[in-house]
N, C-alpha and C. Protein backbone atom coordinates (compact mmCIF):
# COMPACT_ATOMS: atom_id res chain seq x y z
N UNK A 1 11.33 -0.66 23.41
CA UNK A 1 11.21 0.57 22.66
C UNK A 1 10.25 0.35 21.50
N UNK A 2 9.21 1.15 21.41
CA UNK A 2 8.22 1.01 20.36
C UNK A 2 8.55 1.93 19.20
N UNK A 3 8.21 1.47 18.01
CA UNK A 3 8.40 2.30 16.83
C UNK A 3 7.25 3.28 16.71
N UNK A 4 7.52 4.41 16.08
CA UNK A 4 6.49 5.42 15.90
C UNK A 4 5.43 5.00 14.89
N UNK A 5 5.77 4.10 13.97
CA UNK A 5 4.83 3.71 12.93
C UNK A 5 4.11 2.41 13.26
N UNK A 6 3.89 2.14 14.53
CA UNK A 6 3.19 0.91 14.90
C UNK A 6 1.74 0.98 14.43
N UNK A 7 1.19 -0.15 13.97
CA UNK A 7 -0.18 -0.14 13.45
C UNK A 7 -1.19 0.15 14.55
N UNK A 8 -2.25 0.85 14.18
CA UNK A 8 -3.31 1.18 15.13
C UNK A 8 -4.51 0.31 14.82
N UNK A 9 -4.94 -0.46 15.78
CA UNK A 9 -6.08 -1.35 15.56
C UNK A 9 -7.37 -0.65 15.96
N UNK A 10 -8.45 -1.06 15.34
CA UNK A 10 -9.75 -0.49 15.69
C UNK A 10 -10.17 -1.04 17.05
N UNK A 11 -10.91 -0.23 17.79
CA UNK A 11 -11.33 -0.61 19.13
C UNK A 11 -12.41 -1.67 19.10
N UNK A 12 -13.39 -1.52 18.22
CA UNK A 12 -14.51 -2.45 18.18
C UNK A 12 -14.12 -3.73 17.45
N UNK A 13 -14.12 -4.84 18.17
CA UNK A 13 -13.81 -6.14 17.59
C UNK A 13 -14.95 -7.09 17.94
N UNK A 14 -15.47 -7.79 16.93
CA UNK A 14 -16.56 -8.72 17.18
C UNK A 14 -16.03 -9.92 17.96
N UNK A 15 -16.94 -10.62 18.63
CA UNK A 15 -16.56 -11.65 19.58
C UNK A 15 -15.68 -12.76 19.01
N UNK A 16 -16.09 -13.43 17.95
CA UNK A 16 -15.34 -14.57 17.43
C UNK A 16 -14.57 -14.23 16.15
N UNK A 17 -14.16 -13.00 16.01
CA UNK A 17 -13.45 -12.57 14.82
C UNK A 17 -11.97 -12.92 14.93
N UNK A 18 -11.41 -13.38 13.84
CA UNK A 18 -9.99 -13.72 13.82
C UNK A 18 -9.15 -12.51 13.44
N UNK A 19 -9.63 -11.73 12.45
CA UNK A 19 -8.86 -10.61 11.93
C UNK A 19 -9.35 -9.29 12.51
N UNK A 20 -8.40 -8.34 12.64
CA UNK A 20 -8.71 -7.01 13.13
C UNK A 20 -8.25 -6.02 12.07
N UNK A 21 -9.04 -5.01 11.80
CA UNK A 21 -8.66 -3.99 10.81
C UNK A 21 -7.47 -3.19 11.33
N UNK A 22 -6.53 -2.94 10.43
CA UNK A 22 -5.33 -2.21 10.80
C UNK A 22 -5.09 -1.13 9.76
N UNK A 23 -4.75 0.07 10.21
CA UNK A 23 -4.43 1.16 9.29
C UNK A 23 -2.94 1.13 8.99
N UNK A 24 -2.61 0.88 7.70
CA UNK A 24 -1.21 0.85 7.28
C UNK A 24 -1.09 1.47 5.90
N UNK A 25 0.09 1.96 5.59
CA UNK A 25 0.33 2.54 4.28
C UNK A 25 0.28 1.47 3.22
N UNK A 26 -0.21 1.84 2.04
CA UNK A 26 -0.25 0.90 0.92
C UNK A 26 1.15 0.44 0.55
N UNK A 27 2.12 1.33 0.64
CA UNK A 27 3.49 0.96 0.30
C UNK A 27 4.03 -0.11 1.25
N UNK A 28 3.63 -0.05 2.51
CA UNK A 28 4.05 -1.06 3.48
C UNK A 28 3.44 -2.41 3.15
N UNK A 29 2.17 -2.41 2.76
CA UNK A 29 1.49 -3.65 2.41
C UNK A 29 2.14 -4.26 1.17
N UNK A 30 2.43 -3.44 0.16
CA UNK A 30 3.09 -3.93 -1.06
C UNK A 30 4.47 -4.49 -0.73
N UNK A 31 5.21 -3.79 0.12
CA UNK A 31 6.54 -4.24 0.52
C UNK A 31 6.47 -5.62 1.19
N UNK A 32 5.51 -5.79 2.09
CA UNK A 32 5.39 -7.07 2.80
C UNK A 32 4.97 -8.20 1.86
N UNK A 33 4.13 -7.90 0.86
CA UNK A 33 3.76 -8.91 -0.14
C UNK A 33 4.99 -9.33 -0.93
N UNK A 34 5.77 -8.34 -1.39
CA UNK A 34 6.99 -8.63 -2.15
C UNK A 34 7.98 -9.42 -1.30
N UNK A 35 8.13 -9.03 -0.05
CA UNK A 35 9.05 -9.71 0.85
C UNK A 35 8.65 -11.17 1.02
N UNK A 36 7.38 -11.43 1.23
CA UNK A 36 6.89 -12.80 1.39
C UNK A 36 7.17 -13.63 0.14
N UNK A 37 6.87 -13.05 -1.03
CA UNK A 37 7.13 -13.77 -2.29
C UNK A 37 8.61 -14.06 -2.48
N UNK A 38 9.46 -13.10 -2.15
CA UNK A 38 10.90 -13.31 -2.29
C UNK A 38 11.41 -14.37 -1.32
N UNK A 39 10.87 -14.41 -0.11
CA UNK A 39 11.27 -15.43 0.86
C UNK A 39 10.88 -16.82 0.37
N UNK A 40 9.71 -16.94 -0.25
CA UNK A 40 9.27 -18.22 -0.80
C UNK A 40 10.20 -18.65 -1.93
N UNK A 41 10.53 -17.71 -2.82
CA UNK A 41 11.43 -18.02 -3.93
C UNK A 41 12.81 -18.41 -3.42
N UNK A 42 13.28 -17.75 -2.37
CA UNK A 42 14.58 -18.09 -1.78
C UNK A 42 14.58 -19.51 -1.23
N UNK A 43 13.52 -19.90 -0.54
CA UNK A 43 13.41 -21.27 -0.02
C UNK A 43 13.40 -22.28 -1.15
N UNK A 44 12.67 -21.99 -2.22
CA UNK A 44 12.64 -22.90 -3.38
C UNK A 44 14.04 -23.05 -3.96
N UNK A 45 14.75 -21.93 -4.11
CA UNK A 45 16.09 -21.96 -4.68
C UNK A 45 17.06 -22.73 -3.77
N UNK A 46 16.97 -22.49 -2.46
CA UNK A 46 17.84 -23.20 -1.51
C UNK A 46 17.60 -24.70 -1.58
N UNK A 47 16.34 -25.12 -1.67
CA UNK A 47 16.04 -26.55 -1.78
C UNK A 47 16.54 -27.11 -3.10
N UNK A 48 16.47 -26.33 -4.16
CA UNK A 48 16.97 -26.77 -5.46
C UNK A 48 18.49 -26.96 -5.42
N UNK A 49 19.20 -26.02 -4.79
CA UNK A 49 20.66 -26.09 -4.71
C UNK A 49 21.08 -27.25 -3.80
N UNK A 50 20.33 -27.46 -2.72
CA UNK A 50 20.65 -28.52 -1.76
C UNK A 50 20.47 -29.90 -2.39
N UNK A 51 19.49 -30.05 -3.26
CA UNK A 51 19.19 -31.36 -3.87
C UNK A 51 20.18 -31.76 -4.93
C-alpha cells in the first residue's frame, strides 16, 4: 500500500549522479532534520547511561 504523499522524483537524471531532486514540503524536511538530530542525541545519552 503506497502513501498518497510519496515523493515525486524528476524524470531527467544525469548518468553518474548520486542524488535526485525530490519535491517535498519544507515542514517535512525540517521534521526529518529534527528527527535525525534527536536520534543522535538519544544514542549519545544511551551510551552515557550505559557507561
